[in-house]
């Protein structure tokens, strides 16, 4: 059996170390994750308003939420892809 040597702190130092760690964590600042902060893209307000109006005007069976690739399906060069894979749904 392997002998694993543990680092042993004297009993007097253990509460001090625990206290220091607790104090340090109390003063630590939480930095918000950039992934959790929405960042609006300039110029998207008009497109958003158009899509909201389209949803209010008629019923949809499919909703795609995505990025610039999803946005690209509105372009004529991707009409064939849309018709083949998504229009039947």
C-alpha atoms as a PDB file:
ATOM      1  CA  UNK A   1       0.000   0.000   0.000  1.00  0.00           C
ATOM      2  CA  UNK A   2       1.223   3.471  -0.846  1.00  0.00           C
ATOM      3  CA  UNK A   3       1.966   5.750   2.005  1.00  0.00           C
ATOM      4  CA  UNK A   4       0.437   9.174   1.401  1.00  0.00           C
ATOM      5  CA  UNK A   5       1.863  11.890   3.559  1.00  0.00           C
ATOM      6  CA  UNK A   6      -0.628  14.536   4.595  1.00  0.00           C
ATOM      7  CA  UNK A   7       0.338  18.086   5.329  1.00  0.00           C
ATOM      8  CA  UNK A   8      -0.598  18.591   8.936  1.00  0.00           C
ATOM      9  CA  UNK A   9      -1.186  22.049  10.355  1.00  0.00           C
ATOM     10  CA  UNK A  10      -0.858  22.501  14.076  1.00  0.00           C
ATOM     11  CA  UNK A  11      -4.262  22.557  15.765  1.00  0.00           C
ATOM     12  CA  UNK A  12      -3.820  26.176  16.747  1.00  0.00           C
ATOM     13  CA  UNK A  13      -3.388  27.283  13.114  1.00  0.00           C
ATOM     14  CA  UNK A  14      -6.409  25.451  11.677  1.00  0.00           C
ATOM     15  CA  UNK A  15      -9.075  27.890  12.955  1.00  0.00           C
ATOM     16  CA  UNK A  16      -6.907  30.823  11.882  1.00  0.00           C
ATOM     17  CA  UNK A  17      -6.551  29.470   8.349  1.00  0.00           C
ATOM     18  CA  UNK A  18     -10.277  28.760   8.088  1.00  0.00           C
ATOM     19  CA  UNK A  19     -11.040  32.275   9.348  1.00  0.00           C
ATOM     20  CA  UNK A  20      -8.696  33.876   6.843  1.00  0.00           C
ATOM     21  CA  UNK A  21     -10.254  31.948   3.969  1.00  0.00           C
ATOM     22  CA  UNK A  22     -13.757  33.001   5.070  1.00  0.00           C
ATOM     23  CA  UNK A  23     -12.740  36.636   5.426  1.00  0.00           C
ATOM     24  CA  UNK A  24     -11.015  36.632   2.035  1.00  0.00           C
ATOM     25  CA  UNK A  25     -14.074  35.140   0.336  1.00  0.00           C
ATOM     26  CA  UNK A  26     -16.313  37.761   1.965  1.00  0.00           C
ATOM     27  CA  UNK A  27     -14.262  40.558   0.395  1.00  0.00           C
ATOM     28  CA  UNK A  28     -13.913  38.918  -2.996  1.00  0.00           C
ATOM     29  CA  UNK A  29     -15.860  40.685  -5.739  1.00  0.00           C
ATOM     30  CA  UNK A  30     -18.177  38.698  -7.941  1.00  0.00           C
ATOM     31  CA  UNK A  31     -17.507  39.456 -11.572  1.00  0.00           C
ATOM     32  CA  UNK A  32     -20.589  38.854 -13.716  1.00  0.00           C
ATOM     33  CA  UNK A  33     -20.120  36.429 -16.550  1.00  0.00           C
ATOM     34  CA  UNK A  34     -20.239  38.081 -19.954  1.00  0.00           C
ATOM     35  CA  UNK A  35     -22.325  35.114 -21.120  1.00  0.00           C
ATOM     36  CA  UNK A  36     -25.104  36.134 -18.723  1.00  0.00           C
ATOM     37  CA  UNK A  37     -25.253  39.763 -19.843  1.00  0.00           C
ATOM     38  CA  UNK A  38     -27.304  40.343 -23.024  1.00  0.00           C
ATOM     39  CA  UNK A  39     -25.638  42.702 -25.462  1.00  0.00           C
ATOM     40  CA  UNK A  40     -28.026  44.168 -28.056  1.00  0.00           C
ATOM     41  CA  UNK A  41     -26.658  44.401 -31.573  1.00  0.00           C
ATOM     42  CA  UNK A  42     -27.102  47.764 -33.265  1.00  0.00           C
ATOM     43  CA  UNK A  43     -29.723  47.815 -35.999  1.00  0.00           C
ATOM     44  CA  UNK A  44     -31.629  44.759 -34.772  1.00  0.00           C
ATOM     45  CA  UNK A  45     -34.524  46.726 -33.279  1.00  0.00           C
ATOM     46  CA  UNK A  46     -36.261  47.065 -36.649  1.00  0.00           C
ATOM     47  CA  UNK A  47     -35.872  43.359 -37.455  1.00  0.00           C
ATOM     48  CA  UNK A  48     -37.144  42.401 -34.002  1.00  0.00           C
ATOM     49  CA  UNK A  49     -40.212  44.619 -34.441  1.00  0.00           C
ATOM     50  CA  UNK A  50     -40.901  43.031 -37.868  1.00  0.00           C
ATOM     51  CA  UNK A  51     -40.709  39.497 -36.431  1.00  0.00           C
ATOM     52  CA  UNK A  52     -42.943  40.378 -33.467  1.00  0.00           C
ATOM     53  CA  UNK A  53     -45.526  41.849 -35.890  1.00  0.00           C
ATOM     54  CA  UNK A  54     -45.368  38.689 -38.056  1.00  0.00           C
ATOM     55  CA  UNK A  55     -45.959  36.451 -35.033  1.00  0.00           C
ATOM     56  CA  UNK A  56     -48.936  38.554 -33.946  1.00  0.00           C
ATOM     57  CA  UNK A  57     -50.405  38.493 -37.471  1.00  0.00           C
ATOM     58  CA  UNK A  58     -50.469  34.698 -37.951  1.00  0.00           C
ATOM     59  CA  UNK A  59     -49.815  31.362 -36.266  1.00  0.00           C
ATOM     60  CA  UNK A  60     -46.466  29.607 -36.697  1.00  0.00           C
ATOM     61  CA  UNK A  61     -45.631  25.928 -36.171  1.00  0.00           C
ATOM     62  CA  UNK A  62     -41.863  26.372 -36.191  1.00  0.00           C
ATOM     63  CA  UNK A  63     -39.718  28.910 -34.366  1.00  0.00           C
ATOM     64  CA  UNK A  64     -35.984  29.165 -35.019  1.00  0.00           C
ATOM     65  CA  UNK A  65     -33.915  31.148 -32.581  1.00  0.00           C
ATOM     66  CA  UNK A  66     -30.359  31.547 -33.695  1.00  0.00           C
ATOM     67  CA  UNK A  67     -27.541  33.697 -34.910  1.00  0.00           C
ATOM     68  CA  UNK A  68     -26.439  35.142 -38.235  1.00  0.00           C
ATOM     69  CA  UNK A  69     -26.866  31.751 -39.937  1.00  0.00           C
ATOM     70  CA  UNK A  70     -30.513  31.611 -38.887  1.00  0.00           C
ATOM     71  CA  UNK A  71     -30.909  35.250 -39.888  1.00  0.00           C
ATOM     72  CA  UNK A  72     -29.525  34.328 -43.326  1.00  0.00           C
ATOM     73  CA  UNK A  73     -32.545  32.172 -44.165  1.00  0.00           C
ATOM     74  CA  UNK A  74     -34.340  35.409 -45.092  1.00  0.00           C
ATOM     75  CA  UNK A  75     -31.850  35.951 -47.928  1.00  0.00           C
ATOM     76  CA  UNK A  76     -32.814  34.765 -51.445  1.00  0.00           C
ATOM     77  CA  UNK A  77     -29.645  32.652 -51.889  1.00  0.00           C
ATOM     78  CA  UNK A  78     -30.757  30.393 -49.007  1.00  0.00           C
ATOM     79  CA  UNK A  79     -34.365  30.021 -50.217  1.00  0.00           C
ATOM     80  CA  UNK A  80     -33.637  26.555 -51.674  1.00  0.00           C
ATOM     81  CA  UNK A  81     -32.256  25.345 -48.333  1.00  0.00           C
ATOM     82  CA  UNK A  82     -35.273  26.773 -46.523  1.00  0.00           C
ATOM     83  CA  UNK A  83     -37.702  25.160 -48.961  1.00  0.00           C
ATOM     84  CA  UNK A  84     -35.986  21.757 -48.781  1.00  0.00           C
ATOM     85  CA  UNK A  85     -35.498  21.416 -45.024  1.00  0.00           C
ATOM     86  CA  UNK A  86     -37.831  23.792 -43.183  1.00  0.00           C
ATOM     87  CA  UNK A  87     -40.817  24.765 -45.360  1.00  0.00           C
ATOM     88  CA  UNK A  88     -42.380  21.249 -45.181  1.00  0.00           C
ATOM     89  CA  UNK A  89     -42.432  21.487 -41.378  1.00  0.00           C
END
